[in-house]
Amino acid sequence: MNENVEIERRFLIDGRKAKPWQDGTYIKIQQYYLSEVTHENGRVTWCGKTLVEAQHDFTEITTWRIRSLVDGTGFKAVLTAKGKRIGASATEYEWELSPKFFEQLNLEGLPTVIKTRYLWNGDDGLLWEVDEFEGSLSGIIIAEVELESEDQEVSIPSWVGLELTHLKGWSNAALAEMIGQQ
């Protein structure tokens, strides 16, 4: 597998039933979606600030996101560049940002998703990430599992519902844009 390709299947979850994933580790996440990101001369820039220096071809990148994560070990900020999803696969690059740099960014007013991510191990040993959304998206629960290949066998838990993998409008970026237009 290409190290810059993410392969995942995504599913909608009915939160009215038992929630076995809540027994595991969790991470509090805020995702901010950036527009007008430029990449020239090896620099990725947004609002006049160089976010990272990187020598990649970003022509296929459609989404730029900054994510803050808080778990039992502390705080982390990550810049992510994602390409258009084809099937269950998409190009993805990630860079960790320093907490000090993250605090200097003006992220207010950007399309944002807030969620709690639970980590749950499936019967087949695969790690499931179950996102319970908050704020305007409260009540939405989406589970995803990352794979080594699109045809990899997956043991689907009984609590998983409708598969969203190939449906448009269910990405976190699309959800953030949707609530930003309210």
N, C-alpha and C. Protein backbone atom coordinates (compact mmCIF):
# COMPACT_ATOMS: atom_id res chain seq x y z
N MET A 1 0.84 -1.19 0.00
CA MET A 1 0.00 0.00 0.00
C MET A 1 0.88 1.24 0.00
N ASN A 2 0.52 2.27 -0.78
CA ASN A 2 1.21 3.54 -0.79
C ASN A 2 1.04 4.19 0.57
N GLU A 3 2.13 4.69 1.14
CA GLU A 3 2.05 5.26 2.48
C GLU A 3 1.22 6.54 2.53
N ASN A 4 0.93 7.15 1.38
CA ASN A 4 0.12 8.36 1.35
C ASN A 4 -1.29 8.10 0.84
N VAL A 5 -1.75 6.86 0.96
CA VAL A 5 -3.11 6.52 0.59
C VAL A 5 -3.83 5.96 1.80
N GLU A 6 -4.99 6.53 2.08
CA GLU A 6 -5.84 6.04 3.16
C GLU A 6 -6.95 5.21 2.52
N ILE A 7 -7.14 4.00 3.02
CA ILE A 7 -8.23 3.14 2.56
C ILE A 7 -9.11 2.87 3.76
N GLU A 8 -10.36 3.28 3.67
CA GLU A 8 -11.25 3.08 4.81
C GLU A 8 -12.68 2.84 4.36
N ARG A 9 -13.39 2.11 5.18
CA ARG A 9 -14.83 1.94 4.99
C ARG A 9 -15.51 2.67 6.14
N ARG A 10 -16.63 3.32 5.83
CA ARG A 10 -17.34 4.14 6.81
C ARG A 10 -18.80 3.69 6.90
N PHE A 11 -19.35 3.76 8.11
CA PHE A 11 -20.70 3.27 8.38
C PHE A 11 -21.44 4.21 9.32
N LEU A 12 -22.73 4.35 9.09
CA LEU A 12 -23.60 5.08 10.01
C LEU A 12 -23.99 4.15 11.14
N ILE A 13 -24.09 4.68 12.34
CA ILE A 13 -24.44 3.89 13.52
C ILE A 13 -25.74 4.41 14.13
N ASP A 14 -26.59 3.51 14.56
CA ASP A 14 -27.82 3.87 15.27
C ASP A 14 -27.47 3.99 16.75
N GLY A 15 -27.41 5.21 17.24
CA GLY A 15 -27.01 5.48 18.62
C GLY A 15 -28.06 5.17 19.67
N ARG A 16 -29.22 4.69 19.24
CA ARG A 16 -30.28 4.36 20.21
C ARG A 16 -30.08 2.99 20.83
N LYS A 17 -29.12 2.23 20.28
CA LYS A 17 -28.86 0.88 20.78
C LYS A 17 -27.65 0.89 21.70
N ALA A 18 -27.23 -0.27 22.16
CA ALA A 18 -26.04 -0.38 23.02
C ALA A 18 -24.83 0.22 22.31
N LYS A 19 -23.90 0.76 23.08
CA LYS A 19 -22.71 1.41 22.53
C LYS A 19 -21.45 0.75 23.10
N PRO A 20 -21.12 -0.46 22.64
CA PRO A 20 -19.98 -1.18 23.21
C PRO A 20 -18.64 -0.47 22.99
N TRP A 21 -18.53 0.37 21.99
CA TRP A 21 -17.29 1.09 21.71
C TRP A 21 -16.94 2.09 22.82
N GLN A 22 -17.94 2.51 23.61
CA GLN A 22 -17.68 3.50 24.65
C GLN A 22 -16.87 2.95 25.82
N ASP A 23 -16.63 1.64 25.84
CA ASP A 23 -15.82 1.04 26.89
C ASP A 23 -14.32 1.23 26.63
N GLY A 24 -13.96 1.72 25.45
CA GLY A 24 -12.55 1.82 25.07
C GLY A 24 -11.97 3.21 25.28
N THR A 25 -10.80 3.39 24.72
CA THR A 25 -10.09 4.65 24.76
C THR A 25 -10.83 5.68 23.90
N TYR A 26 -10.76 6.95 24.31
CA TYR A 26 -11.38 7.98 23.49
C TYR A 26 -10.48 9.20 23.36
N ILE A 27 -10.76 9.98 22.31
CA ILE A 27 -10.01 11.19 21.99
C ILE A 27 -11.03 12.29 21.68
N LYS A 28 -10.84 13.47 22.25
CA LYS A 28 -11.67 14.63 21.93
C LYS A 28 -11.03 15.33 20.73
N ILE A 29 -11.82 15.57 19.68
CA ILE A 29 -11.27 16.10 18.43
C ILE A 29 -12.07 17.33 17.98
N GLN A 30 -11.34 18.35 17.51
CA GLN A 30 -11.94 19.47 16.79
C GLN A 30 -11.21 19.55 15.46
N GLN A 31 -11.99 19.63 14.37
CA GLN A 31 -11.42 19.69 13.02
C GLN A 31 -11.85 20.99 12.37
N TYR A 32 -10.87 21.73 11.87
CA TYR A 32 -11.11 23.00 11.21
C TYR A 32 -10.74 22.84 9.74
N TYR A 33 -11.65 23.23 8.85
CA TYR A 33 -11.43 23.05 7.41
C TYR A 33 -11.00 24.38 6.80
N LEU A 34 -9.86 24.35 6.12
CA LEU A 34 -9.22 25.54 5.58
C LEU A 34 -9.56 25.72 4.11
N SER A 35 -9.70 26.97 3.70
CA SER A 35 -9.83 27.27 2.28
C SER A 35 -8.66 28.17 1.89
N GLU A 36 -8.45 28.30 0.61
CA GLU A 36 -7.40 29.16 0.07
C GLU A 36 -6.01 28.81 0.60
N VAL A 37 -5.73 27.51 0.68
CA VAL A 37 -4.39 27.04 1.02
C VAL A 37 -3.57 27.05 -0.26
N THR A 38 -2.35 27.57 -0.18
CA THR A 38 -1.47 27.58 -1.35
C THR A 38 -0.26 26.69 -1.06
N HIS A 39 0.32 26.19 -2.13
CA HIS A 39 1.53 25.37 -2.01
C HIS A 39 2.45 25.73 -3.16
N GLU A 40 3.49 26.49 -2.81
CA GLU A 40 4.47 26.93 -3.79
C GLU A 40 5.86 26.84 -3.20
N ASN A 41 6.83 26.48 -4.03
CA ASN A 41 8.23 26.43 -3.61
C ASN A 41 8.44 25.61 -2.33
N GLY A 42 7.67 24.52 -2.22
CA GLY A 42 7.85 23.64 -1.07
C GLY A 42 7.21 24.12 0.21
N ARG A 43 6.39 25.16 0.14
CA ARG A 43 5.73 25.69 1.34
C ARG A 43 4.22 25.61 1.20
N VAL A 44 3.59 25.13 2.26
CA VAL A 44 2.12 25.11 2.33
C VAL A 44 1.74 26.30 3.19
N THR A 45 0.97 27.24 2.60
CA THR A 45 0.66 28.50 3.26
C THR A 45 -0.84 28.71 3.35
N TRP A 46 -1.27 29.29 4.46
CA TRP A 46 -2.67 29.64 4.68
C TRP A 46 -2.71 30.95 5.47
N CYS A 47 -3.47 31.91 4.99
CA CYS A 47 -3.61 33.21 5.66
C CYS A 47 -2.26 33.84 5.98
N GLY A 48 -1.32 33.72 5.05
CA GLY A 48 -0.02 34.34 5.22
C GLY A 48 0.95 33.60 6.12
N LYS A 49 0.54 32.46 6.67
CA LYS A 49 1.42 31.68 7.54
C LYS A 49 1.86 30.40 6.83
N THR A 50 3.14 30.10 6.92
CA THR A 50 3.62 28.83 6.40
C THR A 50 3.26 27.75 7.41
N LEU A 51 2.41 26.82 6.98
CA LEU A 51 1.98 25.74 7.88
C LEU A 51 3.04 24.65 7.95
N VAL A 52 3.56 24.25 6.80
CA VAL A 52 4.61 23.22 6.73
C VAL A 52 5.44 23.45 5.48
N GLU A 53 6.62 22.85 5.48
CA GLU A 53 7.43 22.80 4.28
C GLU A 53 7.40 21.36 3.80
N ALA A 54 7.00 21.17 2.55
CA ALA A 54 6.83 19.81 2.03
C ALA A 54 7.00 19.80 0.52
N GLN A 55 7.72 18.83 0.03
CA GLN A 55 7.98 18.68 -1.40
C GLN A 55 7.08 17.59 -1.99
N HIS A 56 5.79 17.85 -2.06
CA HIS A 56 4.84 16.90 -2.63
C HIS A 56 4.09 17.57 -3.77
N ASP A 57 3.49 16.79 -4.61
CA ASP A 57 2.60 17.29 -5.65
C ASP A 57 1.20 17.32 -5.05
N PHE A 58 0.72 18.50 -4.76
CA PHE A 58 -0.58 18.65 -4.11
C PHE A 58 -1.70 18.96 -5.09
N THR A 59 -1.50 18.75 -6.38
CA THR A 59 -2.52 19.12 -7.36
C THR A 59 -3.82 18.35 -7.16
N GLU A 60 -3.76 17.14 -6.61
CA GLU A 60 -4.99 16.36 -6.42
C GLU A 60 -5.63 16.55 -5.04
N ILE A 61 -5.07 17.43 -4.23
CA ILE A 61 -5.61 17.67 -2.89
C ILE A 61 -6.87 18.52 -2.98
N THR A 62 -7.94 18.07 -2.33
CA THR A 62 -9.21 18.78 -2.35
C THR A 62 -9.59 19.35 -0.99
N THR A 63 -8.99 18.83 0.08
CA THR A 63 -9.37 19.24 1.44
C THR A 63 -8.13 19.43 2.29
N TRP A 64 -8.09 20.57 2.99
CA TRP A 64 -7.05 20.85 3.98
C TRP A 64 -7.73 21.01 5.33
N ARG A 65 -7.17 20.36 6.34
CA ARG A 65 -7.80 20.35 7.66
C ARG A 65 -6.72 20.48 8.73
N ILE A 66 -7.06 21.20 9.81
CA ILE A 66 -6.23 21.20 11.02
C ILE A 66 -7.08 20.57 12.11
N ARG A 67 -6.51 19.59 12.76
CA ARG A 67 -7.22 18.82 13.78
C ARG A 67 -6.50 18.99 15.12
N SER A 68 -7.27 19.29 16.17
CA SER A 68 -6.72 19.26 17.52
C SER A 68 -7.25 18.01 18.20
N LEU A 69 -6.36 17.32 18.91
CA LEU A 69 -6.71 16.07 19.58
C LEU A 69 -6.29 16.15 21.04
N VAL A 70 -7.18 15.76 21.93
CA VAL A 70 -6.87 15.70 23.35
C VAL A 70 -7.25 14.31 23.84
N ASP A 71 -6.25 13.62 24.42
CA ASP A 71 -6.51 12.30 25.00
C ASP A 71 -5.81 12.21 26.35
N GLY A 72 -5.69 11.02 26.89
CA GLY A 72 -5.07 10.83 28.20
C GLY A 72 -3.60 11.20 28.25
N THR A 73 -2.97 11.36 27.09
CA THR A 73 -1.54 11.70 27.07
C THR A 73 -1.30 13.17 26.81
N GLY A 74 -2.33 13.94 26.48
CA GLY A 74 -2.15 15.37 26.26
C GLY A 74 -2.76 15.87 24.97
N PHE A 75 -2.18 16.96 24.46
CA PHE A 75 -2.69 17.68 23.30
C PHE A 75 -1.79 17.46 22.09
N LYS A 76 -2.42 17.38 20.91
CA LYS A 76 -1.68 17.27 19.66
C LYS A 76 -2.46 18.01 18.57
N ALA A 77 -1.75 18.64 17.64
CA ALA A 77 -2.38 19.30 16.49
C ALA A 77 -1.77 18.71 15.22
N VAL A 78 -2.63 18.47 14.23
CA VAL A 78 -2.18 17.81 12.99
C VAL A 78 -2.80 18.52 11.79
N LEU A 79 -1.95 18.83 10.81
CA LEU A 79 -2.41 19.34 9.53
C LEU A 79 -2.56 18.15 8.60
N THR A 80 -3.69 18.07 7.89
CA THR A 80 -3.95 16.97 6.96
C THR A 80 -4.35 17.53 5.61
N ALA A 81 -3.81 16.93 4.56
CA ALA A 81 -4.20 17.22 3.18
C ALA A 81 -4.81 15.94 2.62
N LYS A 82 -6.03 16.05 2.09
CA LYS A 82 -6.72 14.87 1.56
C LYS A 82 -7.09 15.09 0.10
N GLY A 83 -6.95 14.02 -0.66
CA GLY A 83 -7.35 14.05 -2.06
C GLY A 83 -8.77 13.53 -2.23
N LYS A 84 -9.26 13.60 -3.45
CA LYS A 84 -10.60 13.11 -3.76
C LYS A 84 -10.66 11.60 -3.51
N ARG A 85 -11.73 11.17 -2.86
CA ARG A 85 -11.93 9.76 -2.57
C ARG A 85 -12.41 9.05 -3.84
N ILE A 86 -11.72 7.97 -4.16
CA ILE A 86 -12.13 7.11 -5.27
C ILE A 86 -12.35 5.73 -4.67
N GLY A 87 -13.61 5.32 -4.64
CA GLY A 87 -13.95 4.08 -3.94
C GLY A 87 -13.73 4.31 -2.45
N ALA A 88 -12.94 3.45 -1.83
CA ALA A 88 -12.63 3.58 -0.40
C ALA A 88 -11.27 4.21 -0.18
N SER A 89 -10.61 4.69 -1.25
CA SER A 89 -9.23 5.18 -1.16
C SER A 89 -9.12 6.67 -1.45
N ALA A 90 -8.19 7.32 -0.74
CA ALA A 90 -7.89 8.73 -0.98
C ALA A 90 -6.45 9.00 -0.61
N THR A 91 -5.81 9.91 -1.34
CA THR A 91 -4.48 10.37 -0.98
C THR A 91 -4.59 11.13 0.34
N GLU A 92 -3.59 10.96 1.20
CA GLU A 92 -3.61 11.67 2.48
C GLU A 92 -2.17 11.92 2.95
N TYR A 93 -1.91 13.17 3.35
CA TYR A 93 -0.63 13.56 3.95
C TYR A 93 -0.94 14.17 5.31
N GLU A 94 -0.06 13.92 6.29
CA GLU A 94 -0.25 14.49 7.63
C GLU A 94 1.07 15.02 8.17
N TRP A 95 0.97 16.14 8.90
CA TRP A 95 2.11 16.74 9.57
C TRP A 95 1.68 17.19 10.96
N GLU A 96 2.46 16.86 11.96
CA GLU A 96 2.16 17.32 13.32
C GLU A 96 2.61 18.79 13.44
N LEU A 97 1.77 19.60 14.07
CA LEU A 97 2.08 21.01 14.31
C LEU A 97 2.38 21.20 15.79
N SER A 98 3.23 22.12 16.13
CA SER A 98 3.53 22.37 17.55
C SER A 98 2.32 23.02 18.21
N PRO A 99 2.07 22.72 19.48
CA PRO A 99 0.96 23.37 20.18
C PRO A 99 1.07 24.90 20.16
N LYS A 100 2.28 25.41 20.29
CA LYS A 100 2.48 26.87 20.27
C LYS A 100 2.05 27.46 18.93
N PHE A 101 2.45 26.81 17.83
CA PHE A 101 2.07 27.27 16.49
C PHE A 101 0.54 27.19 16.33
N PHE A 102 -0.05 26.09 16.77
CA PHE A 102 -1.50 25.91 16.67
C PHE A 102 -2.24 27.05 17.37
N GLU A 103 -1.79 27.41 18.56
CA GLU A 103 -2.44 28.48 19.33
C GLU A 103 -2.39 29.83 18.62
N GLN A 104 -1.41 30.03 17.74
CA GLN A 104 -1.26 31.30 17.02
C GLN A 104 -2.19 31.41 15.81
N LEU A 105 -2.81 30.29 15.41
CA LEU A 105 -3.68 30.30 14.23
C LEU A 105 -5.06 30.83 14.59
N ASN A 106 -5.61 31.67 13.72
CA ASN A 106 -6.97 32.17 13.92
C ASN A 106 -7.93 31.25 13.18
N LEU A 107 -8.49 30.29 13.92
CA LEU A 107 -9.36 29.28 13.31
C LEU A 107 -10.85 29.60 13.51
N GLU A 108 -11.13 30.69 14.20
CA GLU A 108 -12.51 31.07 14.47
C GLU A 108 -13.27 31.35 13.18
N GLY A 109 -14.49 30.84 13.11
CA GLY A 109 -15.35 31.07 11.96
C GLY A 109 -15.17 30.08 10.82
N LEU A 110 -14.19 29.19 10.94
CA LEU A 110 -13.99 28.18 9.89
C LEU A 110 -15.01 27.06 10.03
N PRO A 111 -15.34 26.37 8.93
CA PRO A 111 -16.17 25.17 9.05
C PRO A 111 -15.48 24.20 10.01
N THR A 112 -16.23 23.74 11.01
CA THR A 112 -15.64 22.96 12.10
C THR A 112 -16.51 21.77 12.46
N VAL A 113 -15.86 20.67 12.82
CA VAL A 113 -16.53 19.49 13.35
C VAL A 113 -15.93 19.22 14.72
N ILE A 114 -16.81 18.96 15.70
CA ILE A 114 -16.38 18.59 17.05
C ILE A 114 -16.94 17.20 17.32
N LYS A 115 -16.06 16.32 17.83
CA LYS A 115 -16.50 14.94 18.05
C LYS A 115 -15.64 14.26 19.11
N THR A 116 -16.19 13.18 19.64
CA THR A 116 -15.42 12.29 20.49
C THR A 116 -15.20 11.02 19.69
N ARG A 117 -13.93 10.63 19.57
CA ARG A 117 -13.58 9.42 18.82
C ARG A 117 -13.23 8.31 19.81
N TYR A 118 -13.96 7.20 19.68
CA TYR A 118 -13.70 6.01 20.49
C TYR A 118 -12.94 4.99 19.65
N LEU A 119 -11.97 4.33 20.25
CA LEU A 119 -11.19 3.30 19.57
C LEU A 119 -11.67 1.94 20.05
N TRP A 120 -12.05 1.07 19.11
CA TRP A 120 -12.65 -0.22 19.45
C TRP A 120 -12.02 -1.29 18.56
N ASN A 121 -11.57 -2.37 19.16
CA ASN A 121 -10.95 -3.46 18.40
C ASN A 121 -12.00 -4.49 17.99
N GLY A 122 -12.06 -4.75 16.67
CA GLY A 122 -13.01 -5.72 16.15
C GLY A 122 -12.55 -7.15 16.39
N ASP A 123 -13.45 -8.10 16.15
CA ASP A 123 -13.14 -9.53 16.32
C ASP A 123 -12.01 -9.99 15.41
N ASP A 124 -11.81 -9.28 14.29
CA ASP A 124 -10.75 -9.65 13.34
C ASP A 124 -9.44 -8.91 13.63
N GLY A 125 -9.39 -8.17 14.75
CA GLY A 125 -8.18 -7.45 15.12
C GLY A 125 -8.05 -6.07 14.50
N LEU A 126 -9.00 -5.67 13.65
CA LEU A 126 -8.95 -4.34 13.04
C LEU A 126 -9.43 -3.29 14.04
N LEU A 127 -8.82 -2.13 13.97
CA LEU A 127 -9.18 -1.02 14.85
C LEU A 127 -10.30 -0.20 14.21
N TRP A 128 -11.39 -0.05 14.93
CA TRP A 128 -12.51 0.77 14.50
C TRP A 128 -12.42 2.10 15.23
N GLU A 129 -12.66 3.19 14.49
CA GLU A 129 -12.75 4.52 15.06
C GLU A 129 -14.22 4.93 14.98
N VAL A 130 -14.82 5.15 16.14
CA VAL A 130 -16.25 5.48 16.20
C VAL A 130 -16.36 6.93 16.65
N ASP A 131 -16.88 7.78 15.77
CA ASP A 131 -16.99 9.21 16.04
C ASP A 131 -18.41 9.58 16.43
N GLU A 132 -18.55 10.11 17.65
CA GLU A 132 -19.83 10.65 18.12
C GLU A 132 -19.72 12.17 18.00
N PHE A 133 -20.50 12.72 17.08
CA PHE A 133 -20.43 14.15 16.79
C PHE A 133 -21.14 14.96 17.86
N GLU A 134 -20.70 16.22 17.99
CA GLU A 134 -21.25 17.12 19.00
C GLU A 134 -21.74 18.40 18.33
N GLY A 135 -22.31 19.29 19.11
CA GLY A 135 -22.79 20.57 18.59
C GLY A 135 -23.94 20.37 17.63
N SER A 136 -23.90 21.07 16.50
CA SER A 136 -24.98 21.00 15.50
C SER A 136 -25.14 19.62 14.89
N LEU A 137 -24.11 18.78 14.98
CA LEU A 137 -24.17 17.42 14.43
C LEU A 137 -24.44 16.37 15.51
N SER A 138 -24.79 16.82 16.69
CA SER A 138 -25.05 15.90 17.80
C SER A 138 -26.09 14.86 17.42
N GLY A 139 -25.80 13.62 17.76
CA GLY A 139 -26.68 12.51 17.42
C GLY A 139 -26.16 11.68 16.25
N ILE A 140 -25.28 12.26 15.45
CA ILE A 140 -24.69 11.50 14.34
C ILE A 140 -23.51 10.70 14.88
N ILE A 141 -23.48 9.42 14.54
CA ILE A 141 -22.37 8.54 14.93
C ILE A 141 -21.92 7.81 13.67
N ILE A 142 -20.62 7.93 13.37
CA ILE A 142 -20.04 7.28 12.20
C ILE A 142 -18.85 6.44 12.64
N ALA A 143 -18.81 5.20 12.17
CA ALA A 143 -17.68 4.31 12.46
C ALA A 143 -16.89 4.12 11.18
N GLU A 144 -15.57 4.06 11.33
CA GLU A 144 -14.72 3.78 10.17
C GLU A 144 -13.63 2.81 10.56
N VAL A 145 -13.21 2.04 9.57
CA VAL A 145 -12.15 1.07 9.77
C VAL A 145 -11.17 1.23 8.62
N GLU A 146 -9.87 1.39 8.96
CA GLU A 146 -8.85 1.54 7.93
C GLU A 146 -8.35 0.16 7.51
N LEU A 147 -8.10 0.04 6.20
CA LEU A 147 -7.74 -1.24 5.61
C LEU A 147 -6.41 -1.15 4.87
N GLU A 148 -5.83 -2.30 4.60
CA GLU A 148 -4.61 -2.39 3.80
C GLU A 148 -4.91 -2.39 2.31
N SER A 149 -6.11 -2.88 1.94
CA SER A 149 -6.54 -2.89 0.54
C SER A 149 -8.06 -2.79 0.50
N GLU A 150 -8.59 -2.38 -0.64
CA GLU A 150 -10.05 -2.21 -0.75
C GLU A 150 -10.79 -3.53 -0.65
N ASP A 151 -10.14 -4.64 -0.98
CA ASP A 151 -10.82 -5.93 -0.95
C ASP A 151 -10.51 -6.72 0.33
N GLN A 152 -9.92 -6.08 1.31
CA GLN A 152 -9.61 -6.75 2.58
C GLN A 152 -10.90 -7.18 3.28
N GLU A 153 -10.91 -8.40 3.80
CA GLU A 153 -12.06 -8.91 4.54
C GLU A 153 -12.18 -8.15 5.87
N VAL A 154 -13.42 -7.84 6.24
CA VAL A 154 -13.70 -7.12 7.48
C VAL A 154 -14.84 -7.82 8.19
N SER A 155 -14.66 -8.04 9.48
CA SER A 155 -15.75 -8.57 10.30
C SER A 155 -16.57 -7.37 10.78
N ILE A 156 -17.75 -7.20 10.20
CA ILE A 156 -18.59 -6.04 10.51
C ILE A 156 -19.33 -6.28 11.83
N PRO A 157 -19.13 -5.39 12.83
CA PRO A 157 -19.83 -5.56 14.12
C PRO A 157 -21.34 -5.48 13.95
N SER A 158 -22.06 -6.10 14.84
CA SER A 158 -23.53 -6.15 14.76
C SER A 158 -24.16 -4.77 14.92
N TRP A 159 -23.48 -3.84 15.56
CA TRP A 159 -24.04 -2.51 15.82
C TRP A 159 -23.84 -1.53 14.65
N VAL A 160 -23.18 -1.99 13.58
CA VAL A 160 -22.93 -1.14 12.42
C VAL A 160 -24.17 -1.10 11.53
N GLY A 161 -24.47 0.09 10.98
CA GLY A 161 -25.63 0.26 10.11
C GLY A 161 -25.24 0.49 8.67
N LEU A 162 -25.90 1.43 8.03
CA LEU A 162 -25.74 1.75 6.62
C LEU A 162 -24.29 2.08 6.27
N GLU A 163 -23.77 1.46 5.21
CA GLU A 163 -22.41 1.80 4.77
C GLU A 163 -22.44 3.12 4.00
N LEU A 164 -21.53 4.02 4.39
CA LEU A 164 -21.44 5.36 3.80
C LEU A 164 -20.26 5.51 2.85
N THR A 165 -19.43 4.49 2.76
CA THR A 165 -18.16 4.57 2.03
C THR A 165 -18.31 5.22 0.65
N HIS A 166 -19.30 4.84 -0.10
CA HIS A 166 -19.43 5.31 -1.48
C HIS A 166 -20.50 6.40 -1.63
N LEU A 167 -21.01 6.92 -0.52
CA LEU A 167 -22.05 7.95 -0.58
C LEU A 167 -21.44 9.33 -0.43
N LYS A 168 -21.80 10.24 -1.30
CA LYS A 168 -21.30 11.62 -1.22
C LYS A 168 -22.04 12.36 -0.10
N GLY A 169 -21.38 13.36 0.46
CA GLY A 169 -22.01 14.21 1.46
C GLY A 169 -21.82 13.76 2.89
N TRP A 170 -21.15 12.63 3.11
CA TRP A 170 -20.97 12.12 4.47
C TRP A 170 -19.54 12.26 4.99
N SER A 171 -18.66 12.91 4.25
CA SER A 171 -17.32 13.14 4.78
C SER A 171 -17.41 14.18 5.89
N ASN A 172 -16.42 14.22 6.76
CA ASN A 172 -16.40 15.22 7.82
C ASN A 172 -16.37 16.63 7.22
N ALA A 173 -15.63 16.81 6.13
CA ALA A 173 -15.56 18.11 5.47
C ALA A 173 -16.94 18.54 4.96
N ALA A 174 -17.67 17.61 4.35
CA ALA A 174 -19.02 17.92 3.84
C ALA A 174 -19.96 18.26 5.00
N LEU A 175 -19.87 17.53 6.09
CA LEU A 175 -20.70 17.82 7.26
C LEU A 175 -20.37 19.19 7.84
N ALA A 176 -19.08 19.52 7.92
CA ALA A 176 -18.67 20.83 8.43
C ALA A 176 -19.19 21.96 7.54
N GLU A 177 -19.11 21.78 6.23
CA GLU A 177 -19.63 22.78 5.30
C GLU A 177 -21.14 22.93 5.45
N MET A 178 -21.82 21.81 5.61
CA MET A 178 -23.28 21.83 5.73
C MET A 178 -23.71 22.65 6.94
N ILE A 179 -23.10 22.41 8.10
CA ILE A 179 -23.53 23.15 9.29
C ILE A 179 -23.03 24.59 9.26
N GLY A 180 -21.97 24.85 8.49
CA GLY A 180 -21.47 26.21 8.36
C GLY A 180 -22.41 27.10 7.55
N GLN A 181 -23.30 26.47 6.78
CA GLN A 181 -24.24 27.22 5.93
C GLN A 181 -25.59 27.45 6.61
N GLN A 182 -25.72 27.00 7.85
CA GLN A 182 -27.02 27.17 8.54
C GLN A 182 -27.23 28.59 8.98
